[in-house]
């Protein structure tokens, strides 16, 4: 009877070991599946980030071009302001010269 108990006990241990092994295998399979899904998600994220990076680079290039255009426009506006100032000065000088000539003609007429 002691031999029977030992075999039964050994059999129970083997069954328990097998159950543990099956649960461990199932857990490993789930872990493997999760790892595969995580890897797939990681690849999708990397691809999406690459698309976003390209979009950001295009936007950066457009902004740099716009900045260059604004710099050129600013230079043109400054040149136009300078020309307007010169034109005003020339116009004031012409008016002053006309007033001087007119004053001279009046002075000559009355002298």
PDB file of N, CA and C in Angstrom:
ATOM      1  N   UNK A   1       0.818  -1.180   0.000  1.00  0.00           N
ATOM      2  CA  UNK A   1       0.000   0.000   0.000  1.00  0.00           C
ATOM      3  C   UNK A   1       0.862   1.244   0.000  1.00  0.00           C
ATOM      4  N   UNK A   2       1.970   1.219   0.682  1.00  0.00           N
ATOM      5  CA  UNK A   2       2.887   2.353   0.709  1.00  0.00           C
ATOM      6  C   UNK A   2       3.420   2.610  -0.692  1.00  0.00           C
ATOM      7  N   UNK A   3       3.650   1.521  -1.447  1.00  0.00           N
ATOM      8  CA  UNK A   3       4.118   1.646  -2.816  1.00  0.00           C
ATOM      9  C   UNK A   3       3.050   2.312  -3.671  1.00  0.00           C
ATOM     10  N   UNK A   4       1.781   1.988  -3.435  1.00  0.00           N
ATOM     11  CA  UNK A   4       0.665   2.555  -4.179  1.00  0.00           C
ATOM     12  C   UNK A   4       0.570   4.042  -3.898  1.00  0.00           C
ATOM     13  N   UNK A   5       0.682   4.425  -2.640  1.00  0.00           N
ATOM     14  CA  UNK A   5       0.607   5.827  -2.271  1.00  0.00           C
ATOM     15  C   UNK A   5       1.748   6.617  -2.911  1.00  0.00           C
ATOM     16  N   UNK A   6       2.920   5.968  -2.937  1.00  0.00           N
ATOM     17  CA  UNK A   6       4.065   6.664  -3.522  1.00  0.00           C
ATOM     18  C   UNK A   6       3.833   6.886  -5.008  1.00  0.00           C
ATOM     19  N   UNK A   7       3.341   5.869  -5.713  1.00  0.00           N
ATOM     20  CA  UNK A   7       3.056   6.005  -7.148  1.00  0.00           C
ATOM     21  C   UNK A   7       1.949   7.020  -7.390  1.00  0.00           C
ATOM     22  N   UNK A   8       0.929   7.009  -6.532  1.00  0.00           N
ATOM     23  CA  UNK A   8      -0.172   7.974  -6.671  1.00  0.00           C
ATOM     24  C   UNK A   8       0.351   9.398  -6.417  1.00  0.00           C
ATOM     25  N   UNK A   9       1.186   9.509  -5.397  1.00  0.00           N
ATOM     26  CA  UNK A   9       1.755  10.803  -5.092  1.00  0.00           C
ATOM     27  C   UNK A   9       2.655  11.281  -6.232  1.00  0.00           C
ATOM     28  N   UNK A  10       3.437  10.378  -6.768  1.00  0.00           N
ATOM     29  CA  UNK A  10       4.311  10.700  -7.897  1.00  0.00           C
ATOM     30  C   UNK A  10       3.467  11.106  -9.115  1.00  0.00           C
ATOM     31  N   UNK A  11       2.396  10.371  -9.327  1.00  0.00           N
ATOM     32  CA  UNK A  11       1.483  10.657 -10.440  1.00  0.00           C
ATOM     33  C   UNK A  11       0.855  12.037 -10.263  1.00  0.00           C
ATOM     34  N   UNK A  12       0.456  12.398  -9.059  1.00  0.00           N
ATOM     35  CA  UNK A  12      -0.123  13.713  -8.770  1.00  0.00           C
ATOM     36  C   UNK A  12       0.895  14.827  -9.032  1.00  0.00           C
ATOM     37  N   UNK A  13       2.114  14.589  -8.621  1.00  0.00           N
ATOM     38  CA  UNK A  13       3.169  15.569  -8.855  1.00  0.00           C
ATOM     39  C   UNK A  13       3.420  15.758 -10.346  1.00  0.00           C
ATOM     40  N   UNK A  14       3.408  14.656 -11.073  1.00  0.00           N
ATOM     41  CA  UNK A  14       3.604  14.736 -12.527  1.00  0.00           C
ATOM     42  C   UNK A  14       2.444  15.495 -13.162  1.00  0.00           C
ATOM     43  N   UNK A  15       1.216  15.219 -12.730  1.00  0.00           N
ATOM     44  CA  UNK A  15       0.042  15.932 -13.264  1.00  0.00           C
ATOM     45  C   UNK A  15       0.115  17.423 -12.936  1.00  0.00           C
ATOM     46  N   UNK A  16       0.484  17.724 -11.701  1.00  0.00           N
ATOM     47  CA  UNK A  16       0.615  19.123 -11.318  1.00  0.00           C
ATOM     48  C   UNK A  16       1.718  19.805 -12.140  1.00  0.00           C
ATOM     49  N   UNK A  17       2.826  19.102 -12.319  1.00  0.00           N
ATOM     50  CA  UNK A  17       3.910  19.646 -13.128  1.00  0.00           C
ATOM     51  C   UNK A  17       3.459  19.883 -14.554  1.00  0.00           C
ATOM     52  N   UNK A  18       2.665  18.954 -15.082  1.00  0.00           N
ATOM     53  CA  UNK A  18       2.165  19.101 -16.446  1.00  0.00           C
ATOM     54  C   UNK A  18       1.204  20.287 -16.543  1.00  0.00           C
ATOM     55  N   UNK A  19       0.324  20.447 -15.555  1.00  0.00           N
ATOM     56  CA  UNK A  19      -0.596  21.587 -15.551  1.00  0.00           C
ATOM     57  C   UNK A  19       0.173  22.912 -15.483  1.00  0.00           C
ATOM     58  N   UNK A  20       1.182  22.925 -14.629  1.00  0.00           N
ATOM     59  CA  UNK A  20       2.002  24.135 -14.523  1.00  0.00           C
ATOM     60  C   UNK A  20       2.682  24.412 -15.857  1.00  0.00           C
ATOM     61  N   UNK A  21       3.202  23.363 -16.475  1.00  0.00           N
ATOM     62  CA  UNK A  21       3.872  23.505 -17.767  1.00  0.00           C
ATOM     63  C   UNK A  21       2.899  24.005 -18.833  1.00  0.00           C
ATOM     64  N   UNK A  22       1.660  23.480 -18.824  1.00  0.00           N
ATOM     65  CA  UNK A  22       0.662  23.926 -19.802  1.00  0.00           C
ATOM     66  C   UNK A  22       0.284  25.387 -19.571  1.00  0.00           C
ATOM     67  N   UNK A  23       0.111  25.768 -18.293  1.00  0.00           N
ATOM     68  CA  UNK A  23      -0.220  27.173 -17.998  1.00  0.00           C
ATOM     69  C   UNK A  23       0.937  28.089 -18.404  1.00  0.00           C
ATOM     70  N   UNK A  24       2.140  27.626 -18.137  1.00  0.00           N
ATOM     71  CA  UNK A  24       3.319  28.408 -18.506  1.00  0.00           C
ATOM     72  C   UNK A  24       3.413  28.544 -20.022  1.00  0.00           C
ATOM     73  N   UNK A  25       3.150  27.450 -20.731  1.00  0.00           N
ATOM     74  CA  UNK A  25       3.173  27.496 -22.198  1.00  0.00           C
ATOM     75  C   UNK A  25       2.111  28.446 -22.732  1.00  0.00           C
ATOM     76  N   UNK A  26       0.918  28.398 -22.145  1.00  0.00           N
ATOM     77  CA  UNK A  26      -0.154  29.304 -22.574  1.00  0.00           C
ATOM     78  C   UNK A  26       0.230  30.754 -22.276  1.00  0.00           C
ATOM     79  N   UNK A  27       0.817  30.964 -21.118  1.00  0.00           N
ATOM     80  CA  UNK A  27       1.253  32.314 -20.754  1.00  0.00           C
ATOM     81  C   UNK A  27       2.333  32.802 -21.708  1.00  0.00           C
ATOM     82  N   UNK A  28       3.271  31.930 -22.045  1.00  0.00           N
ATOM     83  CA  UNK A  28       4.316  32.291 -23.007  1.00  0.00           C
ATOM     84  C   UNK A  28       3.728  32.591 -24.379  1.00  0.00           C
ATOM     85  N   UNK A  29       2.735  31.817 -24.780  1.00  0.00           N
ATOM     86  CA  UNK A  29       2.092  32.050 -26.074  1.00  0.00           C
ATOM     87  C   UNK A  29       1.393  33.412 -26.081  1.00  0.00           C
ATOM     88  N   UNK A  30       0.700  33.737 -24.961  1.00  0.00           N
ATOM     89  CA  UNK A  30       0.047  35.049 -24.865  1.00  0.00           C
ATOM     90  C   UNK A  30       1.091  36.160 -24.873  1.00  0.00           C
ATOM     91  N   UNK A  31       2.158  35.951 -24.127  1.00  0.00           N
ATOM     92  CA  UNK A  31       3.229  36.954 -24.088  1.00  0.00           C
ATOM     93  C   UNK A  31       3.845  37.139 -25.473  1.00  0.00           C
ATOM     94  N   UNK A  32       4.037  36.052 -26.180  1.00  0.00           N
ATOM     95  CA  UNK A  32       4.581  36.122 -27.534  1.00  0.00           C
ATOM     96  C   UNK A  32       3.629  36.882 -28.456  1.00  0.00           C
ATOM     97  N   UNK A  33       2.333  36.610 -28.332  1.00  0.00           N
ATOM     98  CA  UNK A  33       1.339  37.297 -29.166  1.00  0.00           C
ATOM     99  C   UNK A  33       1.329  38.796 -28.847  1.00  0.00           C
ATOM    100  N   UNK A  34       1.411  39.118 -27.563  1.00  0.00           N
ATOM    101  CA  UNK A  34       1.445  40.530 -27.165  1.00  0.00           C
ATOM    102  C   UNK A  34       2.701  41.191 -27.715  1.00  0.00           C
ATOM    103  N   UNK A  35       3.831  40.492 -27.655  1.00  0.00           N
ATOM    104  CA  UNK A  35       5.077  41.035 -28.188  1.00  0.00           C
ATOM    105  C   UNK A  35       4.963  41.282 -29.692  1.00  0.00           C
ATOM    106  N   UNK A  36       4.337  40.365 -30.409  1.00  0.00           N
ATOM    107  CA  UNK A  36       4.151  40.524 -31.862  1.00  0.00           C
ATOM    108  C   UNK A  36       3.257  41.722 -32.144  1.00  0.00           C
ATOM    109  N   UNK A  37       2.149  41.853 -31.388  1.00  0.00           N
ATOM    110  CA  UNK A  37       1.242  42.983 -31.575  1.00  0.00           C
ATOM    111  C   UNK A  37       1.944  44.298 -31.238  1.00  0.00           C
ATOM    112  N   UNK A  38       2.742  44.292 -30.172  1.00  0.00           N
ATOM    113  CA  UNK A  38       3.475  45.491 -29.778  1.00  0.00           C
ATOM    114  C   UNK A  38       4.479  45.874 -30.858  1.00  0.00           C
ATOM    115  N   UNK A  39       5.149  44.886 -31.426  1.00  0.00           N
ATOM    116  CA  UNK A  39       6.105  45.157 -32.494  1.00  0.00           C
ATOM    117  C   UNK A  39       5.388  45.747 -33.710  1.00  0.00           C
ATOM    118  N   UNK A  40       4.226  45.183 -34.037  1.00  0.00           N
ATOM    119  CA  UNK A  40       3.437  45.684 -35.161  1.00  0.00           C
ATOM    120  C   UNK A  40       3.010  47.134 -34.902  1.00  0.00           C
ATOM    121  N   UNK A  41       2.544  47.399 -33.687  1.00  0.00           N
ATOM    122  CA  UNK A  41       2.148  48.762 -33.324  1.00  0.00           C
ATOM    123  C   UNK A  41       3.344  49.699 -33.403  1.00  0.00           C
ATOM    124  N   UNK A  42       4.496  49.236 -32.953  1.00  0.00           N
ATOM    125  CA  UNK A  42       5.712  50.038 -33.022  1.00  0.00           C
ATOM    126  C   UNK A  42       6.070  50.394 -34.456  1.00  0.00           C
ATOM    127  N   UNK A  43       5.947  49.426 -35.367  1.00  0.00           N
ATOM    128  CA  UNK A  43       6.231  49.697 -36.782  1.00  0.00           C
ATOM    129  C   UNK A  43       5.249  50.725 -37.345  1.00  0.00           C
ATOM    130  N   UNK A  44       3.976  50.603 -36.963  1.00  0.00           N
ATOM    131  CA  UNK A  44       2.984  51.569 -37.435  1.00  0.00           C
ATOM    132  C   UNK A  44       3.298  52.970 -36.918  1.00  0.00           C
ATOM    133  N   UNK A  45       3.686  53.047 -35.640  1.00  0.00           N
ATOM    134  CA  UNK A  45       4.022  54.342 -35.056  1.00  0.00           C
ATOM    135  C   UNK A  45       5.234  54.938 -35.760  1.00  0.00           C
ATOM    136  N   UNK A  46       6.242  54.121 -36.019  1.00  0.00           N
ATOM    137  CA  UNK A  46       7.443  54.605 -36.712  1.00  0.00           C
ATOM    138  C   UNK A  46       7.087  55.114 -38.102  1.00  0.00           C
ATOM    139  N   UNK A  47       6.246  54.380 -38.815  1.00  0.00           N
ATOM    140  CA  UNK A  47       5.834  54.812 -40.155  1.00  0.00           C
ATOM    141  C   UNK A  47       5.070  56.134 -40.084  1.00  0.00           C
ATOM    142  N   UNK A  48       4.163  56.250 -39.114  1.00  0.00           N
ATOM    143  CA  UNK A  48       3.393  57.482 -38.959  1.00  0.00           C
ATOM    144  C   UNK A  48       4.313  58.647 -38.590  1.00  0.00           C
ATOM    145  N   UNK A  49       5.273  58.390 -37.717  1.00  0.00           N
ATOM    146  CA  UNK A  49       6.221  59.440 -37.339  1.00  0.00           C
ATOM    147  C   UNK A  49       7.073  59.867 -38.532  1.00  0.00           C
ATOM    148  N   UNK A  50       7.415  58.927 -39.383  1.00  0.00           N
ATOM    149  CA  UNK A  50       8.187  59.268 -40.582  1.00  0.00           C
ATOM    150  C   UNK A  50       7.376  60.171 -41.506  1.00  0.00           C
ATOM    151  N   UNK A  51       6.085  59.850 -41.663  1.00  0.00           N
ATOM    152  CA  UNK A  51       5.212  60.695 -42.492  1.00  0.00           C
ATOM    153  C   UNK A  51       5.105  62.088 -41.884  1.00  0.00           C
ATOM    154  N   UNK A  52       4.926  62.147 -40.558  1.00  0.00           N
ATOM    155  CA  UNK A  52       4.821  63.440 -39.897  1.00  0.00           C
ATOM    156  C   UNK A  52       6.133  64.221 -40.006  1.00  0.00           C
ATOM    157  N   UNK A  53       7.253  63.534 -39.932  1.00  0.00           N
ATOM    158  CA  UNK A  53       8.557  64.185 -40.056  1.00  0.00           C
ATOM    159  C   UNK A  53       8.688  64.827 -41.434  1.00  0.00           C
ATOM    160  N   UNK A  54       8.306  64.079 -42.468  1.00  0.00           N
ATOM    161  CA  UNK A  54       8.370  64.631 -43.827  1.00  0.00           C
ATOM    162  C   UNK A  54       7.463  65.845 -43.952  1.00  0.00           C
ATOM    163  N   UNK A  55       6.284  65.759 -43.357  1.00  0.00           N
ATOM    164  CA  UNK A  55       5.354  66.888 -43.400  1.00  0.00           C
ATOM    165  C   UNK A  55       5.944  68.093 -42.691  1.00  0.00           C
ATOM    166  N   UNK A  56       6.558  67.872 -41.537  1.00  0.00           N
ATOM    167  CA  UNK A  56       7.182  68.973 -40.805  1.00  0.00           C
ATOM    168  C   UNK A  56       8.348  69.565 -41.577  1.00  0.00           C
ATOM    169  N   UNK A  57       9.127  68.727 -42.242  1.00  0.00           N
ATOM    170  CA  UNK A  57      10.241  69.239 -43.037  1.00  0.00           C
ATOM    171  C   UNK A  57       9.743  70.083 -44.206  1.00  0.00           C
ATOM    172  N   UNK A  58       8.653  69.626 -44.855  1.00  0.00           N
ATOM    173  CA  UNK A  58       8.072  70.426 -45.947  1.00  0.00           C
ATOM    174  C   UNK A  58       7.574  71.769 -45.410  1.00  0.00           C
ATOM    175  N   UNK A  59       6.913  71.731 -44.254  1.00  0.00           N
ATOM    176  CA  UNK A  59       6.422  72.969 -43.649  1.00  0.00           C
ATOM    177  C   UNK A  59       7.576  73.892 -43.302  1.00  0.00           C
ATOM    178  N   UNK A  60       8.649  73.328 -42.781  1.00  0.00           N
ATOM    179  CA  UNK A  60       9.821  74.137 -42.439  1.00  0.00           C
ATOM    180  C   UNK A  60      10.397  74.798 -43.685  1.00  0.00           C
ATOM    181  N   UNK A  61      10.495  74.047 -44.794  1.00  0.00           N
ATOM    182  CA  UNK A  61      11.019  74.622 -46.038  1.00  0.00           C
ATOM    183  C   UNK A  61      10.118  75.750 -46.534  1.00  0.00           C
ATOM    184  N   UNK A  62       8.794  75.538 -46.452  1.00  0.00           N
ATOM    185  CA  UNK A  62       7.867  76.582 -46.882  1.00  0.00           C
ATOM    186  C   UNK A  62       8.015  77.833 -46.011  1.00  0.00           C
ATOM    187  N   UNK A  63       8.168  77.627 -44.702  1.00  0.00           N
ATOM    188  CA  UNK A  63       8.347  78.767 -43.807  1.00  0.00           C
ATOM    189  C   UNK A  63       9.662  79.489 -44.077  1.00  0.00           C
ATOM    190  N   UNK A  64      10.717  78.748 -44.374  1.00  0.00           N
ATOM    191  CA  UNK A  64      11.986  79.379 -44.712  1.00  0.00           C
ATOM    192  C   UNK A  64      11.852  80.198 -45.996  1.00  0.00           C
ATOM    193  N   UNK A  65      11.144  79.646 -46.984  1.00  0.00           N
ATOM    194  CA  UNK A  65      10.915  80.390 -48.230  1.00  0.00           C
ATOM    195  C   UNK A  65      10.091  81.650 -47.965  1.00  0.00           C
ATOM    196  N   UNK A  66       9.063  81.512 -47.124  1.00  0.00           N
ATOM    197  CA  UNK A  66       8.246  82.675 -46.790  1.00  0.00           C
ATOM    198  C   UNK A  66       9.079  83.717 -46.051  1.00  0.00           C
ATOM    199  N   UNK A  67       9.950  83.262 -45.162  1.00  0.00           N
ATOM    200  CA  UNK A  67      10.822  84.188 -44.442  1.00  0.00           C
ATOM    201  C   UNK A  67      11.747  84.921 -45.407  1.00  0.00           C
ATOM    202  N   UNK A  68      12.298  84.195 -46.374  1.00  0.00           N
ATOM    203  CA  UNK A  68      13.150  84.835 -47.385  1.00  0.00           C
ATOM    204  C   UNK A  68      12.361  85.871 -48.177  1.00  0.00           C
ATOM    205  N   UNK A  69      11.138  85.496 -48.557  1.00  0.00           N
ATOM    206  CA  UNK A  69      10.295  86.430 -49.307  1.00  0.00           C
ATOM    207  C   UNK A  69       9.973  87.668 -48.470  1.00  0.00           C
ATOM    208  N   UNK A  70       9.703  87.460 -47.167  1.00  0.00           N
ATOM    209  CA  UNK A  70       9.422  88.601 -46.293  1.00  0.00           C
ATOM    210  C   UNK A  70      10.651  89.505 -46.154  1.00  0.00           C
ATOM    211  N   UNK A  71      11.821  88.902 -46.099  1.00  0.00           N
ATOM    212  CA  UNK A  71      13.049  89.707 -46.016  1.00  0.00           C
ATOM    213  C   UNK A  71      13.215  90.553 -47.270  1.00  0.00           C
ATOM    214  N   UNK A  72      12.982  89.945 -48.428  1.00  0.00           N
ATOM    215  CA  UNK A  72      13.075  90.693 -49.688  1.00  0.00           C
ATOM    216  C   UNK A  72      12.030  91.798 -49.734  1.00  0.00           C
ATOM    217  N   UNK A  73      10.809  91.473 -49.289  1.00  0.00           N
ATOM    218  CA  UNK A  73       9.741  92.471 -49.282  1.00  0.00           C
ATOM    219  C   UNK A  73      10.085  93.619 -48.346  1.00  0.00           C
ATOM    220  N   UNK A  74      10.667  93.291 -47.188  1.00  0.00           N
ATOM    221  CA  UNK A  74      11.077  94.349 -46.256  1.00  0.00           C
ATOM    222  C   UNK A  74      12.117  95.263 -46.869  1.00  0.00           C
ATOM    223  N   UNK A  75      13.077  94.683 -47.592  1.00  0.00           N
ATOM    224  CA  UNK A  75      14.104  95.495 -48.251  1.00  0.00           C
ATOM    225  C   UNK A  75      13.473  96.395 -49.307  1.00  0.00           C
ATOM    226  N   UNK A  76      12.518  95.860 -50.057  1.00  0.00           N
ATOM    227  CA  UNK A  76      11.848  96.659 -51.094  1.00  0.00           C
ATOM    228  C   UNK A  76      11.063  97.805 -50.453  1.00  0.00           C
ATOM    229  N   UNK A  77      10.368  97.514 -49.347  1.00  0.00           N
ATOM    230  CA  UNK A  77       9.583  98.556 -48.668  1.00  0.00           C
ATOM    231  C   UNK A  77      10.498  99.640 -48.109  1.00  0.00           C
ATOM    232  N   UNK A  78      11.644  99.248 -47.539  1.00  0.00           N
ATOM    233  CA  UNK A  78      12.593 100.242 -47.031  1.00  0.00           C
ATOM    234  C   UNK A  78      13.112 101.125 -48.174  1.00  0.00           C
ATOM    235  N   UNK A  79      13.399 100.510 -49.323  1.00  0.00           N
ATOM    236  CA  UNK A  79      13.862 101.281 -50.481  1.00  0.00           C
ATOM    237  C   UNK A  79      12.767 102.244 -50.947  1.00  0.00           C
ATOM    238  N   UNK A  80      11.521 101.771 -50.925  1.00  0.00           N
ATOM    239  CA  UNK A  80      10.410 102.642 -51.340  1.00  0.00           C
ATOM    240  C   UNK A  80      10.248 103.809 -50.368  1.00  0.00           C
ATOM    241  N   UNK A  81      10.381 103.561 -49.067  1.00  0.00           N
ATOM    242  CA  UNK A  81      10.292 104.642 -48.078  1.00  0.00           C
ATOM    243  C   UNK A  81      11.403 105.659 -48.307  1.00  0.00           C
ATOM    244  N   UNK A  82      12.597 105.169 -48.566  1.00  0.00           N
ATOM    245  CA  UNK A  82      13.732 106.049 -48.824  1.00  0.00           C
ATOM    246  C   UNK A  82      13.460 106.912 -50.063  1.00  0.00           C
ATOM    247  N   UNK A  83      12.936 106.285 -51.112  1.00  0.00           N
ATOM    248  CA  UNK A  83      12.623 107.031 -52.341  1.00  0.00           C
ATOM    249  C   UNK A  83      11.527 108.059 -52.105  1.00  0.00           C
ATOM    250  N   UNK A  84      10.523 107.716 -51.303  1.00  0.00           N
ATOM    251  CA  UNK A  84       9.462 108.676 -50.992  1.00  0.00           C
ATOM    252  C   UNK A  84      10.048 109.862 -50.234  1.00  0.00           C
ATOM    253  N   UNK A  85      10.948 109.599 -49.289  1.00  0.00           N
ATOM    254  CA  UNK A  85      11.588 110.670 -48.530  1.00  0.00           C
ATOM    255  C   UNK A  85      12.403 111.570 -49.466  1.00  0.00           C
ATOM    256  N   UNK A  86      13.179 110.973 -50.358  1.00  0.00           N
ATOM    257  CA  UNK A  86      13.951 111.762 -51.327  1.00  0.00           C
ATOM    258  C   UNK A  86      13.032 112.607 -52.195  1.00  0.00           C
ATOM    259  N   UNK A  87      11.939 112.006 -52.654  1.00  0.00           N
ATOM    260  CA  UNK A  87      10.993 112.757 -53.493  1.00  0.00           C
ATOM    261  C   UNK A  87      10.399 113.938 -52.726  1.00  0.00           C
ATOM    262  N   UNK A  88      10.070 113.738 -51.433  1.00  0.00           N
ATOM    263  CA  UNK A  88       9.526 114.831 -50.619  1.00  0.00           C
ATOM    264  C   UNK A  88      10.567 115.941 -50.461  1.00  0.00           C
ATOM    265  N   UNK A  89      11.816 115.560 -50.208  1.00  0.00           N
ATOM    266  CA  UNK A  89      12.868 116.555 -50.060  1.00  0.00           C
ATOM    267  C   UNK A  89      13.059 117.343 -51.343  1.00  0.00           C
ATOM    268  N   UNK A  90      13.053 116.661 -52.461  1.00  0.00           N
ATOM    269  CA  UNK A  90      13.202 117.339 -53.763  1.00  0.00           C
ATOM    270  C   UNK A  90      12.024 118.275 -54.000  1.00  0.00           C
ATOM    271  N   UNK A  91      10.818 117.827 -53.671  1.00  0.00           N
ATOM    272  CA  UNK A  91       9.625 118.649 -53.842  1.00  0.00           C
ATOM    273  C   UNK A  91       9.698 119.881 -52.947  1.00  0.00           C
ATOM    274  N   UNK A  92      10.145 119.704 -51.702  1.00  0.00           N
ATOM    275  CA  UNK A  92      10.288 120.857 -50.795  1.00  0.00           C
ATOM    276  C   UNK A  92      11.325 121.817 -51.341  1.00  0.00           C
ATOM    277  N   UNK A  93      12.437 121.303 -51.860  1.00  0.00           N
ATOM    278  CA  UNK A  93      13.468 122.171 -52.435  1.00  0.00           C
ATOM    279  C   UNK A  93      12.928 122.935 -53.632  1.00  0.00           C
ATOM    280  N   UNK A  94      12.134 122.280 -54.462  1.00  0.00           N
ATOM    281  CA  UNK A  94      11.544 122.955 -55.631  1.00  0.00           C
ATOM    282  C   UNK A  94      10.600 124.056 -55.173  1.00  0.00           C
ATOM    283  N   UNK A  95       9.788 123.767 -54.159  1.00  0.00           N
ATOM    284  CA  UNK A  95       8.850 124.783 -53.659  1.00  0.00           C
ATOM    285  C   UNK A  95       9.624 125.960 -53.088  1.00  0.00           C
ATOM    286  N   UNK A  96      10.663 125.676 -52.300  1.00  0.00           N
ATOM    287  CA  UNK A  96      11.480 126.757 -51.726  1.00  0.00           C
ATOM    288  C   UNK A  96      12.111 127.577 -52.846  1.00  0.00           C
ATOM    289  N   UNK A  97      12.636 126.931 -53.869  1.00  0.00           N
ATOM    290  CA  UNK A  97      13.259 127.653 -54.988  1.00  0.00           C
ATOM    291  C   UNK A  97      12.223 128.512 -55.709  1.00  0.00           C
ATOM    292  N   UNK A  98      10.995 127.990 -55.885  1.00  0.00           N
ATOM    293  CA  UNK A  98       9.941 128.776 -56.537  1.00  0.00           C
ATOM    294  C   UNK A  98       9.576 129.994 -55.696  1.00  0.00           C
ATOM    295  N   UNK A  99       9.516 129.798 -54.372  1.00  0.00           N
ATOM    296  CA  UNK A  99       9.196 130.923 -53.489  1.00  0.00           C
ATOM    297  C   UNK A  99      10.309 131.967 -53.571  1.00  0.00           C
ATOM    298  N   UNK A 100      11.569 131.524 -53.574  1.00  0.00           N
ATOM    299  CA  UNK A 100      12.696 132.456 -53.672  1.00  0.00           C
ATOM    300  C   UNK A 100      12.649 133.186 -55.014  1.00  0.00           C
ATOM    301  N   UNK A 101      12.420 132.470 -56.078  1.00  0.00           N
ATOM    302  CA  UNK A 101      12.341 133.102 -57.412  1.00  0.00           C
ATOM    303  C   UNK A 101      11.174 134.081 -57.445  1.00  0.00           C
ATOM    304  N   UNK A 102      10.020 133.668 -56.894  1.00  0.00           N
ATOM    305  CA  UNK A 102       8.848 134.549 -56.866  1.00  0.00           C
ATOM    306  C   UNK A 102       9.145 135.797 -56.038  1.00  0.00           C
ATOM    307  N   UNK A 103       9.798 135.632 -54.889  1.00  0.00           N
ATOM    308  CA  UNK A 103      10.149 136.773 -54.033  1.00  0.00           C
ATOM    309  C   UNK A 103      11.133 137.683 -54.778  1.00  0.00           C
ATOM    310  N   UNK A 104      12.083 137.058 -55.490  1.00  0.00           N
ATOM    311  CA  UNK A 104      13.040 137.846 -56.267  1.00  0.00           C
ATOM    312  C   UNK A 104      12.361 138.615 -57.369  1.00  0.00           C
ATOM    313  N   UNK A 105      11.418 138.011 -58.047  1.00  0.00           N
ATOM    314  CA  UNK A 105      10.711 138.706 -59.129  1.00  0.00           C
ATOM    315  C   UNK A 105       9.858 139.856 -58.584  1.00  0.00           C
ATOM    316  N   UNK A 106       9.258 139.632 -57.414  1.00  0.00           N
ATOM    317  CA  UNK A 106       8.459 140.700 -56.805  1.00  0.00           C
ATOM    318  C   UNK A 106       9.394 141.845 -56.383  1.00  0.00           C
ATOM    319  N   UNK A 107      10.522 141.449 -55.842  1.00  0.00           N
ATOM    320  CA  UNK A 107      11.485 142.485 -55.409  1.00  0.00           C
ATOM    321  C   UNK A 107      11.984 143.274 -56.611  1.00  0.00           C
ATOM    322  N   UNK A 108      12.279 142.611 -57.730  1.00  0.00           N
ATOM    323  CA  UNK A 108      12.757 143.274 -58.931  1.00  0.00           C
ATOM    324  C   UNK A 108      11.660 144.173 -59.506  1.00  0.00           C
ATOM    325  N   UNK A 109      10.430 143.742 -59.502  1.00  0.00           N
ATOM    326  CA  UNK A 109       9.324 144.508 -60.066  1.00  0.00           C
ATOM    327  C   UNK A 109       9.079 145.786 -59.279  1.00  0.00           C
ATOM    328  N   UNK A 110       9.211 145.749 -57.961  1.00  0.00           N
ATOM    329  CA  UNK A 110       8.921 146.898 -57.149  1.00  0.00           C
ATOM    330  C   UNK A 110      10.156 147.771 -56.919  1.00  0.00           C
ATOM    331  N   UNK A 111      11.286 147.403 -57.390  1.00  0.00           N
ATOM    332  CA  UNK A 111      12.474 148.217 -57.218  1.00  0.00           C
ATOM    333  C   UNK A 111      12.721 149.074 -58.373  1.00  0.00           C
TER     334      UNK A 111
END
